[in-house]
Amino acid sequence: MRVVFAGTPEPAVTALEAIVASRHELVGVVTRPDAPAGRGRKLVASPVAQYAEELGGIEILKPVKPSDPEFLARLREIAPDCCPVVAYGGLLPQAALDIPKHGWINLHFSVLPAWRGAAPVQHSIISGDDVTGASTFRIVKALDAGPVYGVLTEPIGPEDTSGDLLHRLAVSGSKLLVDTLDGIEAGVLEAREQPTDGVTLAPKITVEDAELDLHAPAQRVDRLVRGCNPAPGAWTTFRGERLKVLAVRLTDEELKPGELQATKSTVKVGTGSKAVELVTVQPQGKKPMAAADWARGVRLTDDDVLGPIA
């Protein structure tokens, strides 16, 4: 089939590579406009756009909005049979959905109807799910509610971060997406409507959502840290400044919520249940570092705590 791929971040590149290696003809790429990045805030193309540029000879469309008349007109001229999508990040209007004969086929990183929305991987870890997965479905106007073509499952390990899990799903999901395109082209694959029960929502995790509650049980603290790694990064406060907590380890020790205990090689903090060991932290304006190195640098006192003082 003639396909136009839509995607933006790094995990979408894995799927685009799989499509390039497939029997389908890539005739265009849709991605978000260049965005400011880095300290200089220079405009930088998305990872998908950068990969498409390296391929050469592929038209790259970067509409500010997918409803732009110029974009819709150009897409009609390209006349794709199907538009596979992975984490594009733009709301597709019905006028765009109607253009390809076989619609827009989204690779979503959950087993639908669970975790519809922008952050399914993060929510699956934060909520303590044992298993997640990926689904391919035809995009409709309602959020992630279209009929499903295929599903795969993936266990969530006790130390998995969102970055770890998303990497694995991007690899396995890219095969699922190509298999779905193959089945649609061959006419042997039918989409099935999603069940009405079991729907959960996964909105984008904000910086406010990522603040640690050290009065919560240790397992919940651990899940929030892993679910927010690498972005937006779980955080708390120390001496009035924000401190990101990038990795922790569960322990059997007892400390009061927010209470710190440091040795030469370890730093522990109390929660609503058992203490957790801080493994990697990132002070404001600095690079990630081992928690023990951070503790030596700030010279902890007996009065120091993490989080708001109760």
C-alpha atoms as a PDB file:
ATOM      1  CA  MET A   1       0.000   0.000   0.000  1.00  0.00           C
ATOM      2  CA  ARG A   2       0.960   3.635  -0.425  1.00  0.00           C
ATOM      3  CA  VAL A   3       1.288   4.945   3.119  1.00  0.00           C
ATOM      4  CA  VAL A   4       1.849   8.320   4.771  1.00  0.00           C
ATOM      5  CA  PHE A   5       3.304   7.891   8.269  1.00  0.00           C
ATOM      6  CA  ALA A   6       2.385  10.289  11.086  1.00  0.00           C
ATOM      7  CA  GLY A   7       4.533  10.486  14.218  1.00  0.00           C
ATOM      8  CA  THR A   8       6.791  12.791  16.193  1.00  0.00           C
ATOM      9  CA  PRO A   9       8.968  11.499  19.104  1.00  0.00           C
ATOM     10  CA  GLU A  10      11.783   8.951  19.207  1.00  0.00           C
ATOM     11  CA  PRO A  11       9.585   5.875  19.896  1.00  0.00           C
ATOM     12  CA  ALA A  12       7.750   6.593  16.627  1.00  0.00           C
ATOM     13  CA  VAL A  13      11.013   6.314  14.673  1.00  0.00           C
ATOM     14  CA  THR A  14      11.169   2.583  15.461  1.00  0.00           C
ATOM     15  CA  ALA A  15       7.804   2.053  13.751  1.00  0.00           C
ATOM     16  CA  LEU A  16       8.801   4.229  10.796  1.00  0.00           C
ATOM     17  CA  GLU A  17      11.960   2.145  10.330  1.00  0.00           C
ATOM     18  CA  ALA A  18       9.827  -1.016  10.277  1.00  0.00           C
ATOM     19  CA  ILE A  19       7.514   0.474   7.644  1.00  0.00           C
ATOM     20  CA  VAL A  20      10.484   1.507   5.494  1.00  0.00           C
ATOM     21  CA  ALA A  21      11.732  -2.099   5.677  1.00  0.00           C
ATOM     22  CA  SER A  22       8.282  -3.505   4.827  1.00  0.00           C
ATOM     23  CA  ARG A  23       6.689  -4.110   1.430  1.00  0.00           C
ATOM     24  CA  HIS A  24       4.603  -0.935   1.741  1.00  0.00           C
ATOM     25  CA  GLU A  25       5.539   2.243  -0.135  1.00  0.00           C
ATOM     26  CA  LEU A  26       6.269   5.226   2.098  1.00  0.00           C
ATOM     27  CA  VAL A  27       5.092   8.282   0.147  1.00  0.00           C
ATOM     28  CA  GLY A  28       5.155  10.908   2.880  1.00  0.00           C
ATOM     29  CA  VAL A  29       5.620  11.706   6.569  1.00  0.00           C
ATOM     30  CA  VAL A  30       3.502  13.958   8.789  1.00  0.00           C
ATOM     31  CA  THR A  31       5.045  15.305  11.985  1.00  0.00           C
ATOM     32  CA  ARG A  32       4.757  18.202  14.388  1.00  0.00           C
ATOM     33  CA  PRO A  33       6.421  21.517  13.457  1.00  0.00           C
ATOM     34  CA  ASP A  34      10.008  22.199  14.529  1.00  0.00           C
ATOM     35  CA  ALA A  35      10.092  23.184  18.199  1.00  0.00           C
ATOM     36  CA  PRO A  36      12.532  25.110  20.433  1.00  0.00           C
ATOM     37  CA  ALA A  37      14.928  22.828  22.301  1.00  0.00           C
ATOM     38  CA  GLY A  38      18.061  23.030  24.432  1.00  0.00           C
ATOM     39  CA  ARG A  39      19.500  25.999  26.279  1.00  0.00           C
ATOM     40  CA  GLY A  40      19.694  28.093  23.126  1.00  0.00           C
ATOM     41  CA  ARG A  41      16.009  27.354  22.394  1.00  0.00           C
ATOM     42  CA  LYS A  42      16.847  26.853  18.731  1.00  0.00           C
ATOM     43  CA  LEU A  43      14.196  25.317  16.503  1.00  0.00           C
ATOM     44  CA  VAL A  44      14.823  21.584  16.167  1.00  0.00           C
ATOM     45  CA  ALA A  45      13.064  19.096  13.877  1.00  0.00           C
ATOM     46  CA  SER A  46      11.278  16.163  15.530  1.00  0.00           C
ATOM     47  CA  PRO A  47      13.079  12.793  15.665  1.00  0.00           C
ATOM     48  CA  VAL A  48      10.670  11.480  12.990  1.00  0.00           C
ATOM     49  CA  ALA A  49      11.424  14.454  10.716  1.00  0.00           C
ATOM     50  CA  GLN A  50      15.169  13.990  11.212  1.00  0.00           C
ATOM     51  CA  TYR A  51      14.950  10.311  10.285  1.00  0.00           C
ATOM     52  CA  ALA A  52      12.789  11.070   7.222  1.00  0.00           C
ATOM     53  CA  GLU A  53      15.316  13.685   6.087  1.00  0.00           C
ATOM     54  CA  GLU A  54      18.091  11.089   6.323  1.00  0.00           C
ATOM     55  CA  LEU A  55      16.063   8.739   4.129  1.00  0.00           C
ATOM     56  CA  GLY A  56      15.949  11.357   1.382  1.00  0.00           C
ATOM     57  CA  GLY A  57      13.265  11.708  -1.254  1.00  0.00           C
ATOM     58  CA  ILE A  58      10.399  11.566   1.266  1.00  0.00           C
ATOM     59  CA  GLU A  59       8.015  14.508   1.476  1.00  0.00           C
ATOM     60  CA  ILE A  60       7.741  15.781   5.056  1.00  0.00           C
ATOM     61  CA  LEU A  61       4.599  17.673   6.058  1.00  0.00           C
ATOM     62  CA  LYS A  62       4.650  19.772   9.251  1.00  0.00           C
ATOM     63  CA  PRO A  63       1.227  21.407   9.586  1.00  0.00           C
ATOM     64  CA  VAL A  64       0.680  23.706  12.556  1.00  0.00           C
ATOM     65  CA  LYS A  65      -2.762  22.090  12.706  1.00  0.00           C
ATOM     66  CA  PRO A  66      -3.867  18.996  10.778  1.00  0.00           C
ATOM     67  CA  SER A  67      -7.007  20.959   9.872  1.00  0.00           C
ATOM     68  CA  ASP A  68      -4.991  23.463   7.788  1.00  0.00           C
ATOM     69  CA  PRO A  69      -6.552  23.595   4.287  1.00  0.00           C
ATOM     70  CA  GLU A  70      -3.117  23.514   2.614  1.00  0.00           C
ATOM     71  CA  PHE A  71      -2.188  20.319   4.458  1.00  0.00           C
ATOM     72  CA  LEU A  72      -5.476  18.615   3.651  1.00  0.00           C
ATOM     73  CA  ALA A  73      -5.190  19.570  -0.011  1.00  0.00           C
ATOM     74  CA  ARG A  74      -1.650  18.193  -0.250  1.00  0.00           C
ATOM     75  CA  LEU A  75      -2.646  14.954   1.495  1.00  0.00           C
ATOM     76  CA  ARG A  76      -5.455  14.478  -1.039  1.00  0.00           C
ATOM     77  CA  GLU A  77      -2.946  14.965  -3.854  1.00  0.00           C
ATOM     78  CA  ILE A  78      -0.582  12.358  -2.355  1.00  0.00           C
ATOM     79  CA  ALA A  79      -3.606  10.033  -2.065  1.00  0.00           C
ATOM     80  CA  PRO A  80      -2.307   7.476   0.466  1.00  0.00           C
ATOM     81  CA  ASP A  81      -4.113   4.157   0.832  1.00  0.00           C
ATOM     82  CA  CYS A  82      -3.512   4.214   4.588  1.00  0.00           C
ATOM     83  CA  CYS A  83      -1.916   6.444   7.238  1.00  0.00           C
ATOM     84  CA  PRO A  84      -0.170   4.573  10.083  1.00  0.00           C
ATOM     85  CA  VAL A  85       0.241   6.723  13.211  1.00  0.00           C
ATOM     86  CA  VAL A  86       2.506   6.515  16.274  1.00  0.00           C
ATOM     87  CA  ALA A  87       2.460   9.346  18.853  1.00  0.00           C
ATOM     88  CA  TYR A  88       1.797  12.085  16.312  1.00  0.00           C
ATOM     89  CA  GLY A  89       0.514  14.587  18.873  1.00  0.00           C
ATOM     90  CA  GLY A  90      -2.057  16.445  16.766  1.00  0.00           C
ATOM     91  CA  LEU A  91      -5.839  16.186  16.709  1.00  0.00           C
ATOM     92  CA  LEU A  92      -6.930  14.810  13.335  1.00  0.00           C
ATOM     93  CA  PRO A  93     -10.135  16.329  11.932  1.00  0.00           C
ATOM     94  CA  GLN A  94     -12.728  14.202  10.139  1.00  0.00           C
ATOM     95  CA  ALA A  95     -11.667  15.801   6.846  1.00  0.00           C
ATOM     96  CA  ALA A  96      -8.222  14.239   7.295  1.00  0.00           C
ATOM     97  CA  LEU A  97      -9.563  10.904   8.544  1.00  0.00           C
ATOM     98  CA  ASP A  98     -11.677  10.563   5.388  1.00  0.00           C
ATOM     99  CA  ILE A  99      -8.781  10.904   2.909  1.00  0.00           C
ATOM    100  CA  PRO A 100      -7.059   7.467   2.978  1.00  0.00           C
ATOM    101  CA  LYS A 101      -9.142   4.524   1.786  1.00  0.00           C
ATOM    102  CA  HIS A 102      -8.165   2.392   4.772  1.00  0.00           C
ATOM    103  CA  GLY A 103      -8.145   5.231   7.292  1.00  0.00           C
ATOM    104  CA  TRP A 104      -5.534   6.185   9.863  1.00  0.00           C
ATOM    105  CA  ILE A 105      -4.213   3.188  11.843  1.00  0.00           C
ATOM    106  CA  ASN A 106      -2.827   4.100  15.249  1.00  0.00           C
ATOM    107  CA  LEU A 107      -0.313   2.108  17.290  1.00  0.00           C
ATOM    108  CA  HIS A 108      -1.268   2.840  20.904  1.00  0.00           C
ATOM    109  CA  PHE A 109       0.823   1.637  23.830  1.00  0.00           C
ATOM    110  CA  SER A 110      -1.854  -0.061  25.925  1.00  0.00           C
ATOM    111  CA  VAL A 111      -4.332  -2.918  25.640  1.00  0.00           C
ATOM    112  CA  LEU A 112      -7.416  -0.909  24.727  1.00  0.00           C
ATOM    113  CA  PRO A 113      -9.841   0.103  26.115  1.00  0.00           C
ATOM    114  CA  ALA A 114      -7.450   0.518  29.069  1.00  0.00           C
ATOM    115  CA  TRP A 115      -5.436   3.728  29.258  1.00  0.00           C
ATOM    116  CA  ARG A 116      -6.848   5.827  26.448  1.00  0.00           C
ATOM    117  CA  GLY A 117      -4.912   9.078  26.170  1.00  0.00           C
ATOM    118  CA  ALA A 118      -1.471  10.622  25.862  1.00  0.00           C
ATOM    119  CA  ALA A 119       0.423   8.764  28.618  1.00  0.00           C
ATOM    120  CA  PRO A 120      -0.641   5.095  28.727  1.00  0.00           C
ATOM    121  CA  VAL A 121       2.789   3.701  29.623  1.00  0.00           C
ATOM    122  CA  GLN A 122       3.296   6.077  32.543  1.00  0.00           C
ATOM    123  CA  HIS A 123      -0.168   5.415  33.937  1.00  0.00           C
ATOM    124  CA  SER A 124       0.211   1.638  33.689  1.00  0.00           C
ATOM    125  CA  ILE A 125       3.332   1.756  35.871  1.00  0.00           C
ATOM    126  CA  ILE A 126       2.024   4.363  38.307  1.00  0.00           C
ATOM    127  CA  SER A 127      -1.172   2.351  38.805  1.00  0.00           C
ATOM    128  CA  GLY A 128       0.741  -0.850  39.547  1.00  0.00           C
ATOM    129  CA  ASP A 129      -0.382  -2.896  36.536  1.00  0.00           C
ATOM    130  CA  ASP A 130       1.394  -6.230  36.104  1.00  0.00           C
ATOM    131  CA  VAL A 131       0.836  -6.368  32.346  1.00  0.00           C
ATOM    132  CA  THR A 132       0.373  -3.793  29.598  1.00  0.00           C
ATOM    133  CA  GLY A 133       0.770  -3.982  25.831  1.00  0.00           C
ATOM    134  CA  ALA A 134      -0.009  -2.294  22.542  1.00  0.00           C
ATOM    135  CA  SER A 135      -3.000  -2.078  20.213  1.00  0.00           C
ATOM    136  CA  THR A 136      -3.531  -1.100  16.594  1.00  0.00           C
ATOM    137  CA  PHE A 137      -6.859   0.554  15.862  1.00  0.00           C
ATOM    138  CA  ARG A 138      -8.592   2.744  13.294  1.00  0.00           C
ATOM    139  CA  ILE A 139      -8.753   6.341  14.480  1.00  0.00           C
ATOM    140  CA  VAL A 140     -12.220   7.834  14.956  1.00  0.00           C
ATOM    141  CA  LYS A 141     -13.258  11.212  16.319  1.00  0.00           C
ATOM    142  CA  ALA A 142     -13.558   9.982  19.931  1.00  0.00           C
ATOM    143  CA  LEU A 143     -10.272   9.653  21.852  1.00  0.00           C
ATOM    144  CA  ASP A 144      -8.592   6.265  21.213  1.00  0.00           C
ATOM    145  CA  ALA A 145     -12.044   4.682  20.856  1.00  0.00           C
ATOM    146  CA  GLY A 146     -11.834   3.210  17.335  1.00  0.00           C
ATOM    147  CA  PRO A 147     -12.158  -0.467  16.408  1.00  0.00           C
ATOM    148  CA  VAL A 148      -9.100  -2.599  17.177  1.00  0.00           C
ATOM    149  CA  TYR A 149      -7.150  -4.666  14.619  1.00  0.00           C
ATOM    150  CA  GLY A 150      -4.489  -6.286  16.775  1.00  0.00           C
ATOM    151  CA  VAL A 151      -3.151  -6.503  20.324  1.00  0.00           C
ATOM    152  CA  LEU A 152       0.029  -7.670  22.047  1.00  0.00           C
ATOM    153  CA  THR A 153       0.862  -7.915  25.747  1.00  0.00           C
ATOM    154  CA  GLU A 154       4.022  -7.084  27.687  1.00  0.00           C
ATOM    155  CA  PRO A 155       4.767  -7.831  31.372  1.00  0.00           C
ATOM    156  CA  ILE A 156       5.817  -4.905  33.569  1.00  0.00           C
ATOM    157  CA  GLY A 157       8.904  -5.717  35.623  1.00  0.00           C
ATOM    158  CA  PRO A 158       9.376  -4.507  39.229  1.00  0.00           C
ATOM    159  CA  GLU A 159      12.190  -2.160  38.154  1.00  0.00           C
ATOM    160  CA  ASP A 160      10.776  -1.020  34.790  1.00  0.00           C
ATOM    161  CA  THR A 161      10.717   2.704  34.138  1.00  0.00           C
ATOM    162  CA  SER A 162       8.441   4.274  31.557  1.00  0.00           C
ATOM    163  CA  GLY A 163      11.485   4.635  29.322  1.00  0.00           C
ATOM    164  CA  ASP A 164      12.328   0.924  29.602  1.00  0.00           C
ATOM    165  CA  LEU A 165       8.775  -0.186  28.918  1.00  0.00           C
ATOM    166  CA  LEU A 166       8.189   2.256  26.076  1.00  0.00           C
ATOM    167  CA  HIS A 167      11.367   1.068  24.346  1.00  0.00           C
ATOM    168  CA  ARG A 168      10.221  -2.559  24.433  1.00  0.00           C
ATOM    169  CA  LEU A 169       6.719  -1.671  23.269  1.00  0.00           C
ATOM    170  CA  ALA A 170       8.082   0.488  20.451  1.00  0.00           C
ATOM    171  CA  VAL A 171      10.018  -2.519  19.120  1.00  0.00           C
ATOM    172  CA  SER A 172       7.268  -5.138  19.483  1.00  0.00           C
ATOM    173  CA  GLY A 173       4.588  -2.629  18.498  1.00  0.00           C
ATOM    174  CA  SER A 174       6.335  -1.754  15.234  1.00  0.00           C
ATOM    175  CA  LYS A 175       5.973  -5.376  14.111  1.00  0.00           C
ATOM    176  CA  LEU A 176       2.319  -5.343  15.167  1.00  0.00           C
ATOM    177  CA  LEU A 177       1.755  -2.196  13.100  1.00  0.00           C
ATOM    178  CA  VAL A 178       3.357  -3.669   9.962  1.00  0.00           C
ATOM    179  CA  ASP A 179       1.438  -6.936  10.451  1.00  0.00           C
ATOM    180  CA  THR A 180      -1.754  -4.876  10.695  1.00  0.00           C
ATOM    181  CA  LEU A 181      -0.974  -3.040   7.460  1.00  0.00           C
ATOM    182  CA  ASP A 182      -0.226  -6.374   5.763  1.00  0.00           C
ATOM    183  CA  GLY A 183      -3.544  -7.824   6.950  1.00  0.00           C
ATOM    184  CA  ILE A 184      -5.523  -4.776   5.831  1.00  0.00           C
ATOM    185  CA  GLU A 185      -3.921  -4.872   2.382  1.00  0.00           C
ATOM    186  CA  ALA A 186      -4.620  -8.604   2.040  1.00  0.00           C
ATOM    187  CA  GLY A 187      -8.212  -8.121   3.161  1.00  0.00           C
ATOM    188  CA  VAL A 188      -7.909 -10.750   5.902  1.00  0.00           C
ATOM    189  CA  LEU A 189      -8.018  -8.487   8.946  1.00  0.00           C
ATOM    190  CA  GLU A 190     -11.181  -7.019  10.427  1.00  0.00           C
ATOM    191  CA  ALA A 191     -11.307  -4.413  13.173  1.00  0.00           C
ATOM    192  CA  ARG A 192     -13.441  -5.191  16.220  1.00  0.00           C
ATOM    193  CA  GLU A 193     -15.244  -2.558  18.281  1.00  0.00           C
ATOM    194  CA  GLN A 194     -13.772  -1.953  21.730  1.00  0.00           C
ATOM    195  CA  PRO A 195     -15.759  -3.202  24.736  1.00  0.00           C
ATOM    196  CA  THR A 196     -17.625  -0.496  26.627  1.00  0.00           C
ATOM    197  CA  ASP A 197     -16.414  -1.697  30.010  1.00  0.00           C
ATOM    198  CA  GLY A 198     -12.818  -1.477  31.237  1.00  0.00           C
ATOM    199  CA  VAL A 199     -12.231   2.021  29.862  1.00  0.00           C
ATOM    200  CA  THR A 200      -9.553   3.966  31.763  1.00  0.00           C
ATOM    201  CA  LEU A 201      -8.007   7.316  30.849  1.00  0.00           C
ATOM    202  CA  ALA A 202      -4.328   8.256  30.682  1.00  0.00           C
ATOM    203  CA  PRO A 203      -3.977  12.040  30.408  1.00  0.00           C
ATOM    204  CA  LYS A 204      -0.550  13.616  30.066  1.00  0.00           C
ATOM    205  CA  ILE A 205       1.449  13.526  33.306  1.00  0.00           C
ATOM    206  CA  THR A 206       2.124  17.110  34.384  1.00  0.00           C
ATOM    207  CA  VAL A 207       4.951  18.365  36.570  1.00  0.00           C
ATOM    208  CA  GLU A 208       2.381  18.864  39.327  1.00  0.00           C
ATOM    209  CA  ASP A 209       1.286  15.213  38.985  1.00  0.00           C
ATOM    210  CA  ALA A 210       4.913  14.127  39.454  1.00  0.00           C
ATOM    211  CA  GLU A 211       5.333  15.607  42.946  1.00  0.00           C
ATOM    212  CA  LEU A 212       6.075  12.850  45.456  1.00  0.00           C
ATOM    213  CA  ASP A 213       3.824  12.385  48.478  1.00  0.00           C
ATOM    214  CA  LEU A 214       6.183  10.911  51.054  1.00  0.00           C
ATOM    215  CA  HIS A 215       3.222  10.135  53.333  1.00  0.00           C
ATOM    216  CA  ALA A 216       2.092   7.583  50.720  1.00  0.00           C
ATOM    217  CA  PRO A 217       3.221   3.931  50.953  1.00  0.00           C
ATOM    218  CA  ALA A 218       6.691   3.112  49.665  1.00  0.00           C
ATOM    219  CA  GLN A 219       5.324   1.061  46.748  1.00  0.00           C
ATOM    220  CA  ARG A 220       3.341   4.042  45.496  1.00  0.00           C
ATOM    221  CA  VAL A 221       6.405   6.308  45.779  1.00  0.00           C
ATOM    222  CA  ASP A 222       8.454   3.753  43.831  1.00  0.00           C
ATOM    223  CA  ARG A 223       5.810   3.464  41.090  1.00  0.00           C
ATOM    224  CA  LEU A 224       5.549   7.236  40.658  1.00  0.00           C
ATOM    225  CA  VAL A 225       9.341   7.532  40.393  1.00  0.00           C
ATOM    226  CA  ARG A 226       9.518   4.772  37.762  1.00  0.00           C
ATOM    227  CA  GLY A 227       6.437   5.994  35.903  1.00  0.00           C
ATOM    228  CA  CYS A 228       7.792   9.533  35.616  1.00  0.00           C
ATOM    229  CA  ASN A 229      11.251   8.449  34.431  1.00  0.00           C
ATOM    230  CA  PRO A 230      12.476   9.866  32.083  1.00  0.00           C
ATOM    231  CA  ALA A 231       9.747  12.515  31.883  1.00  0.00           C
ATOM    232  CA  PRO A 232       8.583  14.636  33.551  1.00  0.00           C
ATOM    233  CA  GLY A 233      10.651  13.267  36.459  1.00  0.00           C
ATOM    234  CA  ALA A 234       9.274  12.681  39.957  1.00  0.00           C
ATOM    235  CA  TRP A 235      10.312  15.370  42.416  1.00  0.00           C
ATOM    236  CA  THR A 236      10.157  16.640  45.949  1.00  0.00           C
ATOM    237  CA  THR A 237      11.740  19.589  47.739  1.00  0.00           C
ATOM    238  CA  PHE A 238      14.919  19.929  49.788  1.00  0.00           C
ATOM    239  CA  ARG A 239      15.762  23.131  51.631  1.00  0.00           C
ATOM    240  CA  GLY A 240      13.100  24.900  49.595  1.00  0.00           C
ATOM    241  CA  GLU A 241      14.435  23.851  46.170  1.00  0.00           C
ATOM    242  CA  ARG A 242      13.121  21.197  43.836  1.00  0.00           C
ATOM    243  CA  LEU A 243      14.949  17.856  43.809  1.00  0.00           C
ATOM    244  CA  LYS A 244      14.162  15.300  41.129  1.00  0.00           C
ATOM    245  CA  VAL A 245      14.151  11.679  42.249  1.00  0.00           C
ATOM    246  CA  LEU A 246      14.997   9.478  39.281  1.00  0.00           C
ATOM    247  CA  ALA A 247      15.440   6.079  40.941  1.00  0.00           C
ATOM    248  CA  VAL A 248      14.691   4.534  44.339  1.00  0.00           C
ATOM    249  CA  ARG A 249      14.942   1.099  45.909  1.00  0.00           C
ATOM    250  CA  LEU A 250      12.505  -0.437  48.405  1.00  0.00           C
ATOM    251  CA  THR A 251      13.845  -1.294  51.869  1.00  0.00           C
ATOM    252  CA  ASP A 252      12.549  -2.848  55.117  1.00  0.00           C
ATOM    253  CA  GLU A 253      13.693   0.045  57.300  1.00  0.00           C
ATOM    254  CA  GLU A 254      11.395   2.345  59.273  1.00  0.00           C
ATOM    255  CA  LEU A 255      11.726   6.141  59.048  1.00  0.00           C
ATOM    256  CA  LYS A 256       9.185   8.928  59.443  1.00  0.00           C
ATOM    257  CA  PRO A 257       7.813  10.381  56.177  1.00  0.00           C
ATOM    258  CA  GLY A 258      10.443  12.749  54.753  1.00  0.00           C
ATOM    259  CA  GLU A 259      13.075  11.812  57.354  1.00  0.00           C
ATOM    260  CA  LEU A 260      16.547  11.346  55.857  1.00  0.00           C
ATOM    261  CA  GLN A 261      19.198   8.847  56.913  1.00  0.00           C
ATOM    262  CA  ALA A 262      22.596   8.851  55.180  1.00  0.00           C
ATOM    263  CA  THR A 263      25.713   6.693  55.337  1.00  0.00           C
ATOM    264  CA  LYS A 264      28.822   6.916  53.156  1.00  0.00           C
ATOM    265  CA  SER A 265      27.177   4.816  50.442  1.00  0.00           C
ATOM    266  CA  THR A 266      23.396   5.109  50.908  1.00  0.00           C
ATOM    267  CA  VAL A 267      20.655   7.664  51.478  1.00  0.00           C
ATOM    268  CA  LYS A 268      17.237   6.608  52.716  1.00  0.00           C
ATOM    269  CA  VAL A 269      14.040   8.598  53.152  1.00  0.00           C
ATOM    270  CA  GLY A 270      10.915   7.697  55.094  1.00  0.00           C
ATOM    271  CA  THR A 271       7.508   7.225  53.491  1.00  0.00           C
ATOM    272  CA  GLY A 272       4.049   6.322  54.761  1.00  0.00           C
ATOM    273  CA  SER A 273       5.221   2.715  55.164  1.00  0.00           C
ATOM    274  CA  LYS A 274       8.829   1.522  54.838  1.00  0.00           C
ATOM    275  CA  ALA A 275      11.748   3.766  53.891  1.00  0.00           C
ATOM    276  CA  VAL A 276      13.046   3.877  50.332  1.00  0.00           C
ATOM    277  CA  GLU A 277      16.680   4.207  49.328  1.00  0.00           C
ATOM    278  CA  LEU A 278      17.391   7.148  47.023  1.00  0.00           C
ATOM    279  CA  VAL A 279      19.516   5.830  44.153  1.00  0.00           C
ATOM    280  CA  THR A 280      19.682   8.687  41.635  1.00  0.00           C
ATOM    281  CA  VAL A 281      18.664  12.306  42.156  1.00  0.00           C
ATOM    282  CA  GLN A 282      18.938  15.546  40.193  1.00  0.00           C
ATOM    283  CA  PRO A 283      19.254  18.848  42.047  1.00  0.00           C
ATOM    284  CA  GLN A 284      17.804  21.929  40.380  1.00  0.00           C
ATOM    285  CA  GLY A 285      20.058  23.168  37.573  1.00  0.00           C
ATOM    286  CA  LYS A 286      22.423  20.177  37.803  1.00  0.00           C
ATOM    287  CA  LYS A 287      22.906  16.814  36.128  1.00  0.00           C
ATOM    288  CA  PRO A 288      21.647  13.511  37.581  1.00  0.00           C
ATOM    289  CA  MET A 289      23.944  12.065  40.242  1.00  0.00           C
ATOM    290  CA  ALA A 290      24.195   9.232  42.734  1.00  0.00           C
ATOM    291  CA  ALA A 291      22.188  10.092  45.834  1.00  0.00           C
ATOM    292  CA  ALA A 292      25.184   9.380  48.089  1.00  0.00           C
ATOM    293  CA  ASP A 293      27.273  11.939  46.164  1.00  0.00           C
ATOM    294  CA  TRP A 294      24.453  14.473  46.449  1.00  0.00           C
ATOM    295  CA  ALA A 295      24.177  13.900  50.207  1.00  0.00           C
ATOM    296  CA  ARG A 296      27.919  14.443  50.709  1.00  0.00           C
ATOM    297  CA  GLY A 297      27.770  17.659  48.674  1.00  0.00           C
ATOM    298  CA  VAL A 298      24.891  19.226  50.606  1.00  0.00           C
ATOM    299  CA  ARG A 299      26.214  18.063  54.023  1.00  0.00           C
ATOM    300  CA  LEU A 300      22.980  16.747  55.486  1.00  0.00           C
ATOM    301  CA  THR A 301      22.078  17.801  59.020  1.00  0.00           C
ATOM    302  CA  ASP A 302      19.741  16.130  61.509  1.00  0.00           C
ATOM    303  CA  ASP A 303      17.116  18.804  60.757  1.00  0.00           C
ATOM    304  CA  ASP A 304      17.014  18.159  56.991  1.00  0.00           C
ATOM    305  CA  VAL A 305      13.927  16.501  55.501  1.00  0.00           C
ATOM    306  CA  LEU A 306      12.535  15.870  52.043  1.00  0.00           C
ATOM    307  CA  GLY A 307       9.220  17.390  51.056  1.00  0.00           C
ATOM    308  CA  PRO A 308       7.020  19.965  52.752  1.00  0.00           C
ATOM    309  CA  ILE A 309       7.542  20.137  56.493  1.00  0.00           C
ATOM    310  CA  ALA A 310       4.349  18.883  58.172  1.00  0.00           C
END
